[in-house]
């Protein structure tokens, strides 16, 4: 966060639901203009933390502050500067896209020329859908409208709780193009949870929640390199090469549908790389799935009581 002003400061934030401690003394800082990912296994406290940052949950103990234009205030008094896209759909399925945007603009206090300009700008992304009833849209189209709605009032920060879950890759890319355009134009901060490694890899820093506690914060590239590793898909030269690969690569598995050999490792040994080069007719390499980094980072850690 060198050279950047703070955006959020959380100091020993604790959230309890009865006897269940959803967040346990979480302290962190997020900078203005930063792209920050919140990661963790299911029930780790990610969504609870997101709701605190989005001013939807008040901590039972500890403090959550928002910094903006030289002033520090409790997060609950900063809602007009926040845009939020929840995990589940929140549009009114009975209204058209335009009507949903008009309703959101009214709630956000937009009036007159400013409201018209904001809605016109939003509709340029999907003008043919303006009069469509939201209930008739695809899941991906609904998500794009939700993001546009969250950005109507030009917030300082956009908070996304698994906003792209359950939609196709093309729709996901459209959403991230939509966010990137606003981020480039206005330096909007982005705070998100996601299960897609290609989305998390865009962020500058990432934290991992585990059992309601903040397990650690990393530069995202360092986190993925240290705990995620590489995933190899190897197409063998023939059946004998396939058998040789499965013997040589101790953690390899077989993709029965394609006959390819799959290997995920944080550090491929020279002997492994030599076997891949010898027996592979085609090799595709990429980052390992995000879950591997999360599991590797928290392996052996007592999760305590989870959210």
C-alpha atoms as a PDB file:
ATOM      1  CA  UNK A   1       0.000   0.000   0.000  1.00  0.00           C
ATOM      2  CA  UNK A   2       3.045   2.252  -0.309  1.00  0.00           C
ATOM      3  CA  UNK A   3       2.141   5.816  -1.328  1.00  0.00           C
ATOM      4  CA  UNK A   4      -1.610   5.221  -1.133  1.00  0.00           C
ATOM      5  CA  UNK A   5      -4.130   6.574   1.309  1.00  0.00           C
ATOM      6  CA  UNK A   6      -6.164   4.146   3.336  1.00  0.00           C
ATOM      7  CA  UNK A   7      -9.711   3.301   2.281  1.00  0.00           C
ATOM      8  CA  UNK A   8     -10.813   0.850   4.984  1.00  0.00           C
ATOM      9  CA  UNK A   9      -9.391   0.199   8.429  1.00  0.00           C
ATOM     10  CA  UNK A  10     -10.697  -2.725  10.462  1.00  0.00           C
ATOM     11  CA  UNK A  11      -9.530  -2.994  14.051  1.00  0.00           C
ATOM     12  CA  UNK A  12     -10.231  -6.275  15.886  1.00  0.00           C
ATOM     13  CA  UNK A  13     -13.645  -6.644  14.222  1.00  0.00           C
ATOM     14  CA  UNK A  14     -15.746  -9.435  15.686  1.00  0.00           C
ATOM     15  CA  UNK A  15     -19.180 -10.569  14.488  1.00  0.00           C
ATOM     16  CA  UNK A  16     -21.202 -13.141  16.382  1.00  0.00           C
ATOM     17  CA  UNK A  17     -24.406 -14.967  15.523  1.00  0.00           C
ATOM     18  CA  UNK A  18     -25.467 -16.430  18.844  1.00  0.00           C
ATOM     19  CA  UNK A  19     -22.606 -18.689  19.913  1.00  0.00           C
ATOM     20  CA  UNK A  20     -21.146 -18.796  16.411  1.00  0.00           C
ATOM     21  CA  UNK A  21     -18.189 -16.426  15.936  1.00  0.00           C
ATOM     22  CA  UNK A  22     -18.348 -15.479  12.247  1.00  0.00           C
ATOM     23  CA  UNK A  23     -15.457 -12.986  12.407  1.00  0.00           C
ATOM     24  CA  UNK A  24     -12.873 -13.239  15.165  1.00  0.00           C
ATOM     25  CA  UNK A  25     -10.838 -10.063  15.851  1.00  0.00           C
ATOM     26  CA  UNK A  26     -10.126  -9.290  12.203  1.00  0.00           C
ATOM     27  CA  UNK A  27      -7.773  -6.351  11.599  1.00  0.00           C
ATOM     28  CA  UNK A  28      -6.757  -5.187   8.129  1.00  0.00           C
ATOM     29  CA  UNK A  29      -6.267  -2.141   5.931  1.00  0.00           C
ATOM     30  CA  UNK A  30      -7.268  -1.681   2.291  1.00  0.00           C
ATOM     31  CA  UNK A  31      -5.921   1.203   0.216  1.00  0.00           C
ATOM     32  CA  UNK A  32      -7.730   3.641  -2.036  1.00  0.00           C
ATOM     33  CA  UNK A  33      -7.646   2.460  -5.646  1.00  0.00           C
ATOM     34  CA  UNK A  34      -6.654  -1.075  -4.633  1.00  0.00           C
ATOM     35  CA  UNK A  35      -8.025  -4.314  -6.094  1.00  0.00           C
ATOM     36  CA  UNK A  36      -8.304  -6.647  -3.099  1.00  0.00           C
ATOM     37  CA  UNK A  37      -9.485 -10.277  -2.984  1.00  0.00           C
ATOM     38  CA  UNK A  38     -10.969 -12.035   0.041  1.00  0.00           C
ATOM     39  CA  UNK A  39     -10.455 -15.802  -0.193  1.00  0.00           C
ATOM     40  CA  UNK A  40     -11.225 -18.834   1.917  1.00  0.00           C
ATOM     41  CA  UNK A  41     -13.009 -22.149   2.064  1.00  0.00           C
ATOM     42  CA  UNK A  42     -16.782 -22.316   2.428  1.00  0.00           C
ATOM     43  CA  UNK A  43     -17.806 -21.042   5.852  1.00  0.00           C
ATOM     44  CA  UNK A  44     -14.511 -19.216   6.424  1.00  0.00           C
ATOM     45  CA  UNK A  45     -16.110 -15.810   7.034  1.00  0.00           C
ATOM     46  CA  UNK A  46     -15.655 -14.248   3.581  1.00  0.00           C
ATOM     47  CA  UNK A  47     -19.248 -13.126   3.072  1.00  0.00           C
ATOM     48  CA  UNK A  48     -19.492 -11.855   6.644  1.00  0.00           C
ATOM     49  CA  UNK A  49     -16.385  -9.720   6.119  1.00  0.00           C
ATOM     50  CA  UNK A  50     -17.753  -8.455   2.808  1.00  0.00           C
ATOM     51  CA  UNK A  51     -21.023  -7.443   4.516  1.00  0.00           C
ATOM     52  CA  UNK A  52     -19.126  -5.518   7.200  1.00  0.00           C
ATOM     53  CA  UNK A  53     -17.197  -3.629   4.514  1.00  0.00           C
ATOM     54  CA  UNK A  54     -20.430  -2.976   2.606  1.00  0.00           C
ATOM     55  CA  UNK A  55     -22.025  -1.536   5.792  1.00  0.00           C
ATOM     56  CA  UNK A  56     -24.644  -4.314   5.841  1.00  0.00           C
ATOM     57  CA  UNK A  57     -23.433  -5.783   9.144  1.00  0.00           C
ATOM     58  CA  UNK A  58     -22.334  -3.884  12.220  1.00  0.00           C
ATOM     59  CA  UNK A  59     -19.487  -5.443  14.225  1.00  0.00           C
ATOM     60  CA  UNK A  60     -20.384  -6.678  17.695  1.00  0.00           C
ATOM     61  CA  UNK A  61     -16.903  -5.719  18.846  1.00  0.00           C
ATOM     62  CA  UNK A  62     -14.075  -3.751  17.268  1.00  0.00           C
ATOM     63  CA  UNK A  63     -14.199  -0.863  14.809  1.00  0.00           C
ATOM     64  CA  UNK A  64     -14.604  -0.570  11.016  1.00  0.00           C
ATOM     65  CA  UNK A  65     -13.690   2.785   9.458  1.00  0.00           C
ATOM     66  CA  UNK A  66     -13.960   4.218   5.953  1.00  0.00           C
ATOM     67  CA  UNK A  67     -11.550   6.939   4.801  1.00  0.00           C
ATOM     68  CA  UNK A  68     -12.642   9.342   2.068  1.00  0.00           C
ATOM     69  CA  UNK A  69     -11.660  12.880   1.088  1.00  0.00           C
ATOM     70  CA  UNK A  70      -9.499  13.287   4.164  1.00  0.00           C
ATOM     71  CA  UNK A  71     -12.185  12.172   6.601  1.00  0.00           C
ATOM     72  CA  UNK A  72     -12.489   8.989   8.624  1.00  0.00           C
ATOM     73  CA  UNK A  73     -15.943   7.771   9.538  1.00  0.00           C
ATOM     74  CA  UNK A  74     -17.605   4.529  10.627  1.00  0.00           C
ATOM     75  CA  UNK A  75     -18.363   2.281   7.654  1.00  0.00           C
ATOM     76  CA  UNK A  76     -22.079   2.551   8.444  1.00  0.00           C
ATOM     77  CA  UNK A  77     -21.989   6.265   7.588  1.00  0.00           C
ATOM     78  CA  UNK A  78     -20.261   5.787   4.229  1.00  0.00           C
ATOM     79  CA  UNK A  79     -22.874   3.836   2.294  1.00  0.00           C
ATOM     80  CA  UNK A  80     -23.271   6.560  -0.350  1.00  0.00           C
ATOM     81  CA  UNK A  81     -19.647   5.917  -1.386  1.00  0.00           C
ATOM     82  CA  UNK A  82     -20.086   2.146  -1.725  1.00  0.00           C
ATOM     83  CA  UNK A  83     -21.374   0.006  -4.596  1.00  0.00           C
ATOM     84  CA  UNK A  84     -22.343  -3.564  -3.712  1.00  0.00           C
ATOM     85  CA  UNK A  85     -23.169  -6.619  -5.839  1.00  0.00           C
ATOM     86  CA  UNK A  86     -24.441  -9.443  -3.598  1.00  0.00           C
ATOM     87  CA  UNK A  87     -23.962 -13.172  -4.029  1.00  0.00           C
ATOM     88  CA  UNK A  88     -27.621 -13.775  -4.870  1.00  0.00           C
ATOM     89  CA  UNK A  89     -29.671 -11.758  -7.348  1.00  0.00           C
ATOM     90  CA  UNK A  90     -31.287  -8.615  -6.000  1.00  0.00           C
ATOM     91  CA  UNK A  91     -33.063  -7.069  -9.002  1.00  0.00           C
ATOM     92  CA  UNK A  92     -36.859  -6.828  -9.116  1.00  0.00           C
ATOM     93  CA  UNK A  93     -37.789  -9.498 -11.656  1.00  0.00           C
ATOM     94  CA  UNK A  94     -41.163  -7.833 -12.330  1.00  0.00           C
ATOM     95  CA  UNK A  95     -39.651  -4.561 -13.568  1.00  0.00           C
ATOM     96  CA  UNK A  96     -37.773  -3.752 -16.746  1.00  0.00           C
ATOM     97  CA  UNK A  97     -34.025  -3.083 -16.782  1.00  0.00           C
ATOM     98  CA  UNK A  98     -34.678   0.658 -17.100  1.00  0.00           C
ATOM     99  CA  UNK A  99     -37.188   0.633 -14.241  1.00  0.00           C
ATOM    100  CA  UNK A 100     -34.721  -1.185 -11.991  1.00  0.00           C
ATOM    101  CA  UNK A 101     -32.063   1.420 -12.764  1.00  0.00           C
ATOM    102  CA  UNK A 102     -34.491   4.303 -12.173  1.00  0.00           C
ATOM    103  CA  UNK A 103     -35.502   2.839  -8.834  1.00  0.00           C
ATOM    104  CA  UNK A 104     -31.864   2.361  -7.808  1.00  0.00           C
ATOM    105  CA  UNK A 105     -31.027   5.928  -8.869  1.00  0.00           C
ATOM    106  CA  UNK A 106     -33.817   7.242  -6.635  1.00  0.00           C
ATOM    107  CA  UNK A 107     -32.525   5.228  -3.674  1.00  0.00           C
ATOM    108  CA  UNK A 108     -29.016   6.543  -4.313  1.00  0.00           C
ATOM    109  CA  UNK A 109     -30.232  10.148  -4.325  1.00  0.00           C
ATOM    110  CA  UNK A 110     -29.600  10.828  -8.003  1.00  0.00           C
ATOM    111  CA  UNK A 111     -31.802  13.563  -9.449  1.00  0.00           C
ATOM    112  CA  UNK A 112     -32.280  15.561 -12.649  1.00  0.00           C
ATOM    113  CA  UNK A 113     -29.434  15.733 -15.194  1.00  0.00           C
ATOM    114  CA  UNK A 114     -27.110  13.641 -13.034  1.00  0.00           C
ATOM    115  CA  UNK A 115     -29.624  10.788 -12.910  1.00  0.00           C
ATOM    116  CA  UNK A 116     -30.229  10.941 -16.673  1.00  0.00           C
ATOM    117  CA  UNK A 117     -26.494  10.946 -17.429  1.00  0.00           C
ATOM    118  CA  UNK A 118     -25.844   7.999 -15.118  1.00  0.00           C
ATOM    119  CA  UNK A 119     -28.647   5.874 -16.560  1.00  0.00           C
ATOM    120  CA  UNK A 120     -27.788   6.774 -20.171  1.00  0.00           C
ATOM    121  CA  UNK A 121     -24.185   5.741 -19.517  1.00  0.00           C
ATOM    122  CA  UNK A 122     -25.294   2.463 -17.938  1.00  0.00           C
ATOM    123  CA  UNK A 123     -27.640   1.620 -20.798  1.00  0.00           C
ATOM    124  CA  UNK A 124     -24.953   2.062 -23.463  1.00  0.00           C
ATOM    125  CA  UNK A 125     -23.693  -1.379 -22.405  1.00  0.00           C
ATOM    126  CA  UNK A 126     -27.005  -3.145 -23.044  1.00  0.00           C
ATOM    127  CA  UNK A 127     -29.397  -0.658 -24.674  1.00  0.00           C
ATOM    128  CA  UNK A 128     -31.446  -3.369 -26.483  1.00  0.00           C
ATOM    129  CA  UNK A 129     -32.329  -4.775 -23.042  1.00  0.00           C
ATOM    130  CA  UNK A 130     -33.608  -1.505 -21.558  1.00  0.00           C
ATOM    131  CA  UNK A 131     -37.291  -2.391 -21.880  1.00  0.00           C
ATOM    132  CA  UNK A 132     -36.899  -6.116 -21.187  1.00  0.00           C
ATOM    133  CA  UNK A 133     -38.480  -7.455 -18.013  1.00  0.00           C
ATOM    134  CA  UNK A 134     -35.627  -8.585 -15.755  1.00  0.00           C
ATOM    135  CA  UNK A 135     -37.300 -11.944 -15.136  1.00  0.00           C
ATOM    136  CA  UNK A 136     -36.811 -12.800 -18.828  1.00  0.00           C
ATOM    137  CA  UNK A 137     -33.046 -12.144 -18.846  1.00  0.00           C
ATOM    138  CA  UNK A 138     -30.305 -14.735 -18.620  1.00  0.00           C
ATOM    139  CA  UNK A 139     -28.308 -14.998 -15.386  1.00  0.00           C
ATOM    140  CA  UNK A 140     -25.327 -13.334 -17.048  1.00  0.00           C
ATOM    141  CA  UNK A 141     -27.435 -10.425 -18.301  1.00  0.00           C
ATOM    142  CA  UNK A 142     -28.940  -9.920 -14.835  1.00  0.00           C
ATOM    143  CA  UNK A 143     -25.472  -9.823 -13.313  1.00  0.00           C
ATOM    144  CA  UNK A 144     -24.339  -7.163 -15.786  1.00  0.00           C
ATOM    145  CA  UNK A 145     -27.360  -5.051 -14.860  1.00  0.00           C
ATOM    146  CA  UNK A 146     -26.572  -5.493 -11.150  1.00  0.00           C
ATOM    147  CA  UNK A 147     -23.011  -4.281 -11.673  1.00  0.00           C
ATOM    148  CA  UNK A 148     -24.251  -1.304 -13.679  1.00  0.00           C
ATOM    149  CA  UNK A 149     -26.733  -0.512 -10.921  1.00  0.00           C
ATOM    150  CA  UNK A 150     -23.999  -0.658  -8.263  1.00  0.00           C
ATOM    151  CA  UNK A 151     -21.908   1.824 -10.275  1.00  0.00           C
ATOM    152  CA  UNK A 152     -24.716   4.318 -11.042  1.00  0.00           C
ATOM    153  CA  UNK A 153     -23.790   6.775  -8.287  1.00  0.00           C
ATOM    154  CA  UNK A 154     -20.048   6.638  -9.080  1.00  0.00           C
ATOM    155  CA  UNK A 155     -18.958   4.972  -5.831  1.00  0.00           C
ATOM    156  CA  UNK A 156     -15.404   5.119  -4.526  1.00  0.00           C
ATOM    157  CA  UNK A 157     -15.386   1.355  -4.056  1.00  0.00           C
ATOM    158  CA  UNK A 158     -17.165  -1.575  -5.695  1.00  0.00           C
ATOM    159  CA  UNK A 159     -17.705  -4.621  -3.462  1.00  0.00           C
ATOM    160  CA  UNK A 160     -18.560  -7.941  -5.110  1.00  0.00           C
ATOM    161  CA  UNK A 161     -19.575 -11.089  -3.250  1.00  0.00           C
ATOM    162  CA  UNK A 162     -19.005 -13.923  -5.765  1.00  0.00           C
ATOM    163  CA  UNK A 163     -20.737 -11.753  -8.354  1.00  0.00           C
ATOM    164  CA  UNK A 164     -19.809 -13.995 -11.294  1.00  0.00           C
ATOM    165  CA  UNK A 165     -20.753 -17.346  -9.733  1.00  0.00           C
ATOM    166  CA  UNK A 166     -23.020 -19.487 -11.894  1.00  0.00           C
ATOM    167  CA  UNK A 167     -22.628 -17.609 -15.170  1.00  0.00           C
ATOM    168  CA  UNK A 168     -20.828 -18.507 -18.385  1.00  0.00           C
ATOM    169  CA  UNK A 169     -17.271 -17.446 -19.224  1.00  0.00           C
ATOM    170  CA  UNK A 170     -18.377 -14.916 -21.860  1.00  0.00           C
ATOM    171  CA  UNK A 171     -20.696 -13.133 -19.415  1.00  0.00           C
ATOM    172  CA  UNK A 172     -17.968 -13.154 -16.758  1.00  0.00           C
ATOM    173  CA  UNK A 173     -15.572 -11.464 -19.166  1.00  0.00           C
ATOM    174  CA  UNK A 174     -18.180  -8.834 -20.079  1.00  0.00           C
ATOM    175  CA  UNK A 175     -18.612  -8.027 -16.393  1.00  0.00           C
ATOM    176  CA  UNK A 176     -14.889  -7.652 -15.805  1.00  0.00           C
ATOM    177  CA  UNK A 177     -14.556  -5.491 -18.923  1.00  0.00           C
ATOM    178  CA  UNK A 178     -17.379  -3.364 -17.488  1.00  0.00           C
ATOM    179  CA  UNK A 179     -15.567  -3.028 -14.138  1.00  0.00           C
ATOM    180  CA  UNK A 180     -12.150  -2.423 -15.723  1.00  0.00           C
ATOM    181  CA  UNK A 181     -13.532   0.454 -17.807  1.00  0.00           C
ATOM    182  CA  UNK A 182     -14.869   2.202 -14.697  1.00  0.00           C
ATOM    183  CA  UNK A 183     -11.739   1.428 -12.725  1.00  0.00           C
ATOM    184  CA  UNK A 184      -9.512   2.921 -15.410  1.00  0.00           C
ATOM    185  CA  UNK A 185     -11.689   6.035 -15.736  1.00  0.00           C
ATOM    186  CA  UNK A 186     -12.256   6.747 -12.038  1.00  0.00           C
ATOM    187  CA  UNK A 187      -9.724   4.658 -10.059  1.00  0.00           C
ATOM    188  CA  UNK A 188     -12.539   2.767  -8.361  1.00  0.00           C
ATOM    189  CA  UNK A 189     -11.363   0.384  -5.644  1.00  0.00           C
ATOM    190  CA  UNK A 190     -12.515  -3.221  -6.046  1.00  0.00           C
ATOM    191  CA  UNK A 191     -13.006  -5.648  -3.168  1.00  0.00           C
ATOM    192  CA  UNK A 192     -14.234  -9.093  -4.109  1.00  0.00           C
ATOM    193  CA  UNK A 193     -14.671 -12.742  -3.319  1.00  0.00           C
ATOM    194  CA  UNK A 194     -14.402 -15.247  -6.164  1.00  0.00           C
ATOM    195  CA  UNK A 195     -13.722 -18.925  -6.849  1.00  0.00           C
ATOM    196  CA  UNK A 196     -12.160 -18.203 -10.262  1.00  0.00           C
ATOM    197  CA  UNK A 197      -8.379 -17.982 -10.286  1.00  0.00           C
ATOM    198  CA  UNK A 198      -8.302 -15.828 -13.436  1.00  0.00           C
ATOM    199  CA  UNK A 199     -10.370 -13.215 -11.589  1.00  0.00           C
ATOM    200  CA  UNK A 200      -8.358 -13.321  -8.371  1.00  0.00           C
ATOM    201  CA  UNK A 201      -5.114 -13.067 -10.359  1.00  0.00           C
ATOM    202  CA  UNK A 202      -6.162  -9.561 -11.438  1.00  0.00           C
ATOM    203  CA  UNK A 203      -6.119  -8.289  -7.854  1.00  0.00           C
ATOM    204  CA  UNK A 204      -3.091  -6.659  -6.270  1.00  0.00           C
ATOM    205  CA  UNK A 205      -3.406  -8.214  -2.827  1.00  0.00           C
ATOM    206  CA  UNK A 206      -5.405 -11.078  -1.354  1.00  0.00           C
ATOM    207  CA  UNK A 207      -6.232 -12.269   2.113  1.00  0.00           C
ATOM    208  CA  UNK A 208      -7.319 -15.725   3.219  1.00  0.00           C
ATOM    209  CA  UNK A 209     -10.014 -16.141   5.854  1.00  0.00           C
ATOM    210  CA  UNK A 210     -10.021 -19.355   7.882  1.00  0.00           C
ATOM    211  CA  UNK A 211     -12.466 -20.197  10.626  1.00  0.00           C
ATOM    212  CA  UNK A 212     -13.506 -16.560  10.982  1.00  0.00           C
ATOM    213  CA  UNK A 213      -9.914 -15.414  11.450  1.00  0.00           C
ATOM    214  CA  UNK A 214      -7.650 -13.498   9.077  1.00  0.00           C
ATOM    215  CA  UNK A 215      -5.091 -16.173   8.191  1.00  0.00           C
ATOM    216  CA  UNK A 216      -2.798 -13.875   6.188  1.00  0.00           C
ATOM    217  CA  UNK A 217      -2.424 -11.189   3.509  1.00  0.00           C
ATOM    218  CA  UNK A 218      -0.190 -11.546   0.444  1.00  0.00           C
ATOM    219  CA  UNK A 219       0.619  -9.891  -2.827  1.00  0.00           C
ATOM    220  CA  UNK A 220      -1.655 -11.975  -5.049  1.00  0.00           C
ATOM    221  CA  UNK A 221       1.085 -13.208  -7.390  1.00  0.00           C
ATOM    222  CA  UNK A 222       3.190 -14.295  -4.423  1.00  0.00           C
ATOM    223  CA  UNK A 223       0.242 -16.147  -2.868  1.00  0.00           C
ATOM    224  CA  UNK A 224      -0.600 -18.027  -6.064  1.00  0.00           C
ATOM    225  CA  UNK A 225       3.035 -18.837  -6.816  1.00  0.00           C
ATOM    226  CA  UNK A 226       3.807 -20.064  -3.285  1.00  0.00           C
ATOM    227  CA  UNK A 227       0.684 -22.090  -2.580  1.00  0.00           C
ATOM    228  CA  UNK A 228      -1.021 -22.620  -5.935  1.00  0.00           C
ATOM    229  CA  UNK A 229       1.658 -23.882  -8.264  1.00  0.00           C
ATOM    230  CA  UNK A 230       1.223 -25.040 -11.832  1.00  0.00           C
ATOM    231  CA  UNK A 231      -1.264 -27.315 -13.544  1.00  0.00           C
ATOM    232  CA  UNK A 232      -0.049 -29.372 -16.502  1.00  0.00           C
ATOM    233  CA  UNK A 233      -2.213 -31.150 -19.087  1.00  0.00           C
ATOM    234  CA  UNK A 234      -0.013 -33.536 -21.029  1.00  0.00           C
ATOM    235  CA  UNK A 235      -1.123 -35.281 -24.210  1.00  0.00           C
ATOM    236  CA  UNK A 236       1.127 -38.373 -24.482  1.00  0.00           C
ATOM    237  CA  UNK A 237       2.723 -39.467 -27.739  1.00  0.00           C
ATOM    238  CA  UNK A 238       1.106 -42.923 -27.436  1.00  0.00           C
ATOM    239  CA  UNK A 239      -0.301 -45.404 -24.898  1.00  0.00           C
ATOM    240  CA  UNK A 240       3.168 -46.530 -23.799  1.00  0.00           C
ATOM    241  CA  UNK A 241       4.124 -42.896 -23.124  1.00  0.00           C
ATOM    242  CA  UNK A 242       0.897 -42.467 -21.140  1.00  0.00           C
ATOM    243  CA  UNK A 243       1.808 -45.398 -18.908  1.00  0.00           C
ATOM    244  CA  UNK A 244       5.350 -44.102 -18.490  1.00  0.00           C
ATOM    245  CA  UNK A 245       4.075 -40.663 -17.456  1.00  0.00           C
ATOM    246  CA  UNK A 246       1.734 -42.101 -14.839  1.00  0.00           C
ATOM    247  CA  UNK A 247       4.658 -44.021 -13.344  1.00  0.00           C
ATOM    248  CA  UNK A 248       7.157 -41.142 -13.503  1.00  0.00           C
ATOM    249  CA  UNK A 249       4.815 -38.414 -12.207  1.00  0.00           C
ATOM    250  CA  UNK A 250       3.825 -39.635  -8.749  1.00  0.00           C
ATOM    251  CA  UNK A 251       0.930 -37.209  -8.235  1.00  0.00           C
ATOM    252  CA  UNK A 252      -0.412 -37.391 -11.786  1.00  0.00           C
ATOM    253  CA  UNK A 253      -3.938 -38.471 -12.683  1.00  0.00           C
ATOM    254  CA  UNK A 254      -5.546 -39.643 -15.887  1.00  0.00           C
ATOM    255  CA  UNK A 255      -8.310 -37.745 -17.661  1.00  0.00           C
ATOM    256  CA  UNK A 256     -10.321 -40.755 -18.799  1.00  0.00           C
ATOM    257  CA  UNK A 257     -12.328 -38.716 -21.300  1.00  0.00           C
ATOM    258  CA  UNK A 258      -9.313 -37.467 -23.273  1.00  0.00           C
ATOM    259  CA  UNK A 259      -6.472 -39.788 -22.282  1.00  0.00           C
ATOM    260  CA  UNK A 260      -4.428 -36.797 -21.136  1.00  0.00           C
ATOM    261  CA  UNK A 261      -2.251 -36.971 -18.039  1.00  0.00           C
ATOM    262  CA  UNK A 262      -2.854 -34.214 -15.442  1.00  0.00           C
ATOM    263  CA  UNK A 263      -0.326 -32.943 -12.928  1.00  0.00           C
ATOM    264  CA  UNK A 264      -0.682 -30.164 -10.370  1.00  0.00           C
ATOM    265  CA  UNK A 265       2.396 -29.238  -8.367  1.00  0.00           C
ATOM    266  CA  UNK A 266       3.868 -26.259  -6.546  1.00  0.00           C
ATOM    267  CA  UNK A 267       7.346 -27.177  -7.730  1.00  0.00           C
ATOM    268  CA  UNK A 268       7.954 -29.624 -10.569  1.00  0.00           C
ATOM    269  CA  UNK A 269      11.148 -31.625 -10.025  1.00  0.00           C
ATOM    270  CA  UNK A 270      13.688 -31.726 -12.875  1.00  0.00           C
ATOM    271  CA  UNK A 271      12.903 -35.419 -13.337  1.00  0.00           C
ATOM    272  CA  UNK A 272       9.210 -34.589 -13.749  1.00  0.00           C
ATOM    273  CA  UNK A 273       9.952 -31.936 -16.367  1.00  0.00           C
ATOM    274  CA  UNK A 274      12.253 -34.364 -18.191  1.00  0.00           C
ATOM    275  CA  UNK A 275       9.509 -37.011 -18.282  1.00  0.00           C
ATOM    276  CA  UNK A 276       6.982 -34.482 -19.586  1.00  0.00           C
ATOM    277  CA  UNK A 277       9.394 -33.401 -22.324  1.00  0.00           C
ATOM    278  CA  UNK A 278      10.180 -37.006 -23.266  1.00  0.00           C
ATOM    279  CA  UNK A 279       6.687 -38.491 -23.371  1.00  0.00           C
ATOM    280  CA  UNK A 280       4.442 -35.516 -24.077  1.00  0.00           C
ATOM    281  CA  UNK A 281       3.324 -34.744 -27.627  1.00  0.00           C
ATOM    282  CA  UNK A 282       1.529 -31.617 -26.387  1.00  0.00           C
ATOM    283  CA  UNK A 283       1.712 -29.803 -23.051  1.00  0.00           C
ATOM    284  CA  UNK A 284      -0.573 -27.056 -21.737  1.00  0.00           C
ATOM    285  CA  UNK A 285       0.491 -25.304 -18.542  1.00  0.00           C
ATOM    286  CA  UNK A 286      -1.348 -22.794 -16.396  1.00  0.00           C
ATOM    287  CA  UNK A 287      -2.024 -21.793 -12.803  1.00  0.00           C
ATOM    288  CA  UNK A 288      -3.441 -24.477 -10.565  1.00  0.00           C
ATOM    289  CA  UNK A 289      -7.070 -24.110  -9.407  1.00  0.00           C
ATOM    290  CA  UNK A 290      -7.627 -21.466  -6.736  1.00  0.00           C
ATOM    291  CA  UNK A 291      -8.845 -24.018  -4.202  1.00  0.00           C
ATOM    292  CA  UNK A 292      -5.363 -25.579  -4.160  1.00  0.00           C
ATOM    293  CA  UNK A 293      -3.774 -22.314  -2.998  1.00  0.00           C
ATOM    294  CA  UNK A 294      -6.401 -21.840  -0.281  1.00  0.00           C
ATOM    295  CA  UNK A 295      -6.115 -25.416   0.980  1.00  0.00           C
ATOM    296  CA  UNK A 296      -2.298 -25.388   0.858  1.00  0.00           C
ATOM    297  CA  UNK A 297      -2.102 -22.071   2.715  1.00  0.00           C
ATOM    298  CA  UNK A 298      -4.396 -23.248   5.520  1.00  0.00           C
ATOM    299  CA  UNK A 299      -3.335 -26.898   5.707  1.00  0.00           C
ATOM    300  CA  UNK A 300      -2.822 -28.018   9.276  1.00  0.00           C
ATOM    301  CA  UNK A 301      -4.295 -24.819  10.735  1.00  0.00           C
ATOM    302  CA  UNK A 302      -7.011 -25.296  13.346  1.00  0.00           C
ATOM    303  CA  UNK A 303     -10.003 -23.504  11.796  1.00  0.00           C
ATOM    304  CA  UNK A 304     -11.733 -22.847  15.114  1.00  0.00           C
ATOM    305  CA  UNK A 305     -15.372 -21.848  14.798  1.00  0.00           C
ATOM    306  CA  UNK A 306     -16.332 -20.943  11.230  1.00  0.00           C
ATOM    307  CA  UNK A 307     -18.891 -18.574   9.804  1.00  0.00           C
END
